[in-house]
């Protein structure tokens, strides 16, 4: 899932996929705006065929937290 998520992230912000780590923070490190983040969540829902809870998504700060959450609802 991490590699797929990296591919999606680079569509929204100008970072190299290789520079994205599990500890990367969406806003502080990757430069996401809340608008970018919400658009990315929509793409993630389509890509992984999952439904993201907006309340829980609002608590996601790092790539690790995103991977953990998306994996947990994908099962």
N, C-alpha and C. Protein backbone atom coordinates (compact mmCIF):
# COMPACT_ATOMS: atom_id res chain seq x y z
N UNK A 1 0.82 -1.20 0.00
CA UNK A 1 0.00 0.00 0.00
C UNK A 1 0.86 1.26 0.00
N UNK A 2 2.00 1.24 0.65
CA UNK A 2 2.84 2.43 0.73
C UNK A 2 3.24 2.93 -0.65
N UNK A 3 3.66 2.03 -1.51
CA UNK A 3 4.10 2.46 -2.84
C UNK A 3 2.96 3.08 -3.64
N UNK A 4 1.77 2.49 -3.54
CA UNK A 4 0.60 3.04 -4.22
C UNK A 4 0.26 4.42 -3.65
N UNK A 5 0.35 4.54 -2.34
CA UNK A 5 0.05 5.82 -1.70
C UNK A 5 1.04 6.89 -2.15
N UNK A 6 2.31 6.53 -2.25
CA UNK A 6 3.32 7.48 -2.73
C UNK A 6 2.99 7.97 -4.12
N UNK A 7 2.55 7.04 -4.99
CA UNK A 7 2.19 7.42 -6.36
C UNK A 7 1.04 8.41 -6.37
N UNK A 8 0.11 8.26 -5.45
CA UNK A 8 -1.03 9.18 -5.36
C UNK A 8 -0.56 10.52 -4.79
N UNK A 9 0.26 10.50 -3.76
CA UNK A 9 0.73 11.73 -3.11
C UNK A 9 1.42 12.65 -4.11
N UNK A 10 2.28 12.10 -4.97
CA UNK A 10 3.03 12.95 -5.89
C UNK A 10 2.14 13.62 -6.94
N UNK A 11 0.89 13.17 -7.06
CA UNK A 11 -0.06 13.84 -7.95
C UNK A 11 -0.57 15.15 -7.35
N UNK A 12 -0.41 15.31 -6.05
CA UNK A 12 -1.00 16.46 -5.36
C UNK A 12 0.01 17.49 -4.87
N UNK A 13 1.22 17.06 -4.62
CA UNK A 13 2.26 17.98 -4.14
C UNK A 13 3.55 17.71 -4.90
N UNK A 14 4.40 18.71 -4.94
CA UNK A 14 5.65 18.59 -5.69
C UNK A 14 6.76 18.02 -4.82
N UNK A 15 6.73 16.71 -4.65
CA UNK A 15 7.79 16.00 -3.93
C UNK A 15 8.12 14.75 -4.75
N UNK A 16 9.32 14.27 -4.55
CA UNK A 16 9.74 13.03 -5.20
C UNK A 16 9.24 11.85 -4.36
N UNK A 17 8.75 10.83 -5.01
CA UNK A 17 8.24 9.65 -4.30
C UNK A 17 9.30 9.07 -3.37
N UNK A 18 10.57 9.12 -3.80
CA UNK A 18 11.65 8.55 -3.00
C UNK A 18 11.85 9.30 -1.68
N UNK A 19 11.41 10.55 -1.62
CA UNK A 19 11.62 11.34 -0.40
C UNK A 19 10.50 11.16 0.61
N UNK A 20 9.45 10.45 0.23
CA UNK A 20 8.32 10.23 1.15
C UNK A 20 8.63 9.04 2.04
N UNK A 21 8.55 9.26 3.35
CA UNK A 21 8.79 8.18 4.31
C UNK A 21 7.54 7.97 5.15
N UNK A 22 7.55 6.93 5.94
CA UNK A 22 6.42 6.65 6.82
C UNK A 22 6.24 7.78 7.84
N UNK A 23 7.32 8.47 8.16
CA UNK A 23 7.26 9.55 9.16
C UNK A 23 6.87 10.90 8.54
N UNK A 24 6.80 10.97 7.21
CA UNK A 24 6.47 12.23 6.55
C UNK A 24 5.09 12.72 7.00
N UNK A 25 5.04 14.00 7.36
CA UNK A 25 3.76 14.61 7.75
C UNK A 25 3.18 15.29 6.51
N UNK A 26 1.90 15.09 6.30
CA UNK A 26 1.26 15.60 5.08
C UNK A 26 1.39 17.11 4.94
N UNK A 27 1.08 17.85 5.98
CA UNK A 27 1.08 19.31 5.89
C UNK A 27 2.50 19.87 6.05
N UNK A 28 3.15 19.53 7.14
CA UNK A 28 4.43 20.13 7.47
C UNK A 28 5.57 19.71 6.54
N UNK A 29 5.61 18.43 6.18
CA UNK A 29 6.73 17.92 5.38
C UNK A 29 6.45 17.86 3.88
N UNK A 30 5.22 17.52 3.53
CA UNK A 30 4.90 17.31 2.12
C UNK A 30 4.21 18.51 1.48
N UNK A 31 3.73 19.44 2.29
CA UNK A 31 3.16 20.67 1.75
C UNK A 31 1.70 20.59 1.34
N UNK A 32 0.97 19.64 1.90
CA UNK A 32 -0.45 19.52 1.58
C UNK A 32 -1.25 20.68 2.16
N UNK A 33 -2.27 21.13 1.42
CA UNK A 33 -3.30 21.99 1.98
C UNK A 33 -4.46 21.08 2.34
N UNK A 34 -5.41 21.58 3.10
CA UNK A 34 -6.56 20.74 3.45
C UNK A 34 -7.33 20.35 2.19
N UNK A 35 -7.37 21.25 1.20
CA UNK A 35 -8.05 20.95 -0.06
C UNK A 35 -7.34 19.81 -0.80
N UNK A 36 -6.01 19.87 -0.87
CA UNK A 36 -5.24 18.80 -1.50
C UNK A 36 -5.50 17.47 -0.81
N UNK A 37 -5.51 17.51 0.51
CA UNK A 37 -5.66 16.29 1.30
C UNK A 37 -7.03 15.66 1.04
N UNK A 38 -8.07 16.47 1.03
CA UNK A 38 -9.42 15.94 0.80
C UNK A 38 -9.55 15.37 -0.62
N UNK A 39 -8.95 16.04 -1.59
CA UNK A 39 -8.97 15.50 -2.96
C UNK A 39 -8.23 14.18 -3.04
N UNK A 40 -7.10 14.10 -2.34
CA UNK A 40 -6.33 12.86 -2.32
C UNK A 40 -7.16 11.73 -1.70
N UNK A 41 -7.90 12.03 -0.64
CA UNK A 41 -8.73 11.01 -0.01
C UNK A 41 -9.76 10.45 -0.99
N UNK A 42 -10.32 11.33 -1.81
CA UNK A 42 -11.27 10.86 -2.82
C UNK A 42 -10.63 9.90 -3.79
N UNK A 43 -9.42 10.21 -4.21
CA UNK A 43 -8.71 9.31 -5.12
C UNK A 43 -8.38 7.99 -4.44
N UNK A 44 -8.02 8.05 -3.18
CA UNK A 44 -7.71 6.84 -2.42
C UNK A 44 -8.95 5.96 -2.31
N UNK A 45 -10.10 6.58 -2.06
CA UNK A 45 -11.35 5.81 -1.98
C UNK A 45 -11.59 5.06 -3.29
N UNK A 46 -11.39 5.76 -4.42
CA UNK A 46 -11.60 5.13 -5.73
C UNK A 46 -10.57 4.05 -6.01
N UNK A 47 -9.32 4.34 -5.70
CA UNK A 47 -8.23 3.41 -5.99
C UNK A 47 -8.33 2.12 -5.19
N UNK A 48 -8.60 2.25 -3.89
CA UNK A 48 -8.60 1.07 -3.01
C UNK A 48 -10.01 0.53 -2.74
N UNK A 49 -11.03 1.17 -3.35
CA UNK A 49 -12.42 0.76 -3.15
C UNK A 49 -12.78 0.69 -1.66
N UNK A 50 -12.51 1.80 -0.98
CA UNK A 50 -12.82 1.92 0.44
C UNK A 50 -13.61 3.20 0.67
N UNK A 51 -14.22 3.31 1.85
CA UNK A 51 -14.92 4.53 2.21
C UNK A 51 -14.24 5.11 3.45
N UNK A 52 -13.71 6.30 3.29
CA UNK A 52 -12.95 6.97 4.35
C UNK A 52 -13.91 7.76 5.23
N UNK A 53 -13.82 7.58 6.53
CA UNK A 53 -14.60 8.36 7.49
C UNK A 53 -13.95 9.73 7.62
N UNK A 54 -14.66 10.81 7.25
CA UNK A 54 -14.05 12.15 7.31
C UNK A 54 -13.55 12.54 8.70
N UNK A 55 -14.24 12.10 9.75
CA UNK A 55 -13.80 12.40 11.11
C UNK A 55 -12.44 11.77 11.40
N UNK A 56 -12.30 10.50 11.04
CA UNK A 56 -11.04 9.80 11.29
C UNK A 56 -9.94 10.32 10.37
N UNK A 57 -10.30 10.64 9.14
CA UNK A 57 -9.32 11.17 8.19
C UNK A 57 -8.74 12.49 8.68
N UNK A 58 -9.54 13.26 9.39
CA UNK A 58 -9.08 14.54 9.92
C UNK A 58 -7.99 14.39 10.96
N UNK A 59 -7.84 13.20 11.51
CA UNK A 59 -6.81 12.95 12.52
C UNK A 59 -5.52 12.40 11.92
N UNK A 60 -5.51 12.14 10.64
CA UNK A 60 -4.33 11.58 9.98
C UNK A 60 -3.31 12.69 9.76
N UNK A 61 -2.13 12.51 10.31
CA UNK A 61 -1.07 13.52 10.16
C UNK A 61 0.14 13.01 9.38
N UNK A 62 0.41 11.71 9.48
CA UNK A 62 1.61 11.16 8.83
C UNK A 62 1.23 10.08 7.82
N UNK A 63 2.18 9.75 6.97
CA UNK A 63 1.99 8.68 6.00
C UNK A 63 1.73 7.36 6.74
N UNK A 64 2.44 7.12 7.83
CA UNK A 64 2.23 5.90 8.63
C UNK A 64 0.79 5.81 9.12
N UNK A 65 0.26 6.90 9.65
CA UNK A 65 -1.12 6.90 10.13
C UNK A 65 -2.09 6.63 8.98
N UNK A 66 -1.80 7.18 7.80
CA UNK A 66 -2.66 6.95 6.64
C UNK A 66 -2.63 5.48 6.24
N UNK A 67 -1.44 4.91 6.14
CA UNK A 67 -1.31 3.50 5.76
C UNK A 67 -2.04 2.61 6.76
N UNK A 68 -1.85 2.88 8.05
CA UNK A 68 -2.51 2.08 9.09
C UNK A 68 -4.03 2.17 8.97
N UNK A 69 -4.54 3.38 8.80
CA UNK A 69 -5.99 3.56 8.71
C UNK A 69 -6.56 2.92 7.45
N UNK A 70 -5.95 3.19 6.31
CA UNK A 70 -6.48 2.64 5.06
C UNK A 70 -6.42 1.13 5.05
N UNK A 71 -5.36 0.56 5.61
CA UNK A 71 -5.25 -0.89 5.69
C UNK A 71 -6.34 -1.46 6.59
N UNK A 72 -6.63 -0.78 7.69
CA UNK A 72 -7.62 -1.29 8.65
C UNK A 72 -9.03 -1.30 8.06
N UNK A 73 -9.35 -0.34 7.20
CA UNK A 73 -10.71 -0.32 6.63
C UNK A 73 -10.80 -1.09 5.32
N UNK A 74 -9.68 -1.50 4.80
CA UNK A 74 -9.66 -2.25 3.55
C UNK A 74 -9.99 -3.72 3.79
N UNK A 75 -9.78 -4.18 5.00
CA UNK A 75 -9.95 -5.61 5.30
C UNK A 75 -11.40 -6.00 5.48
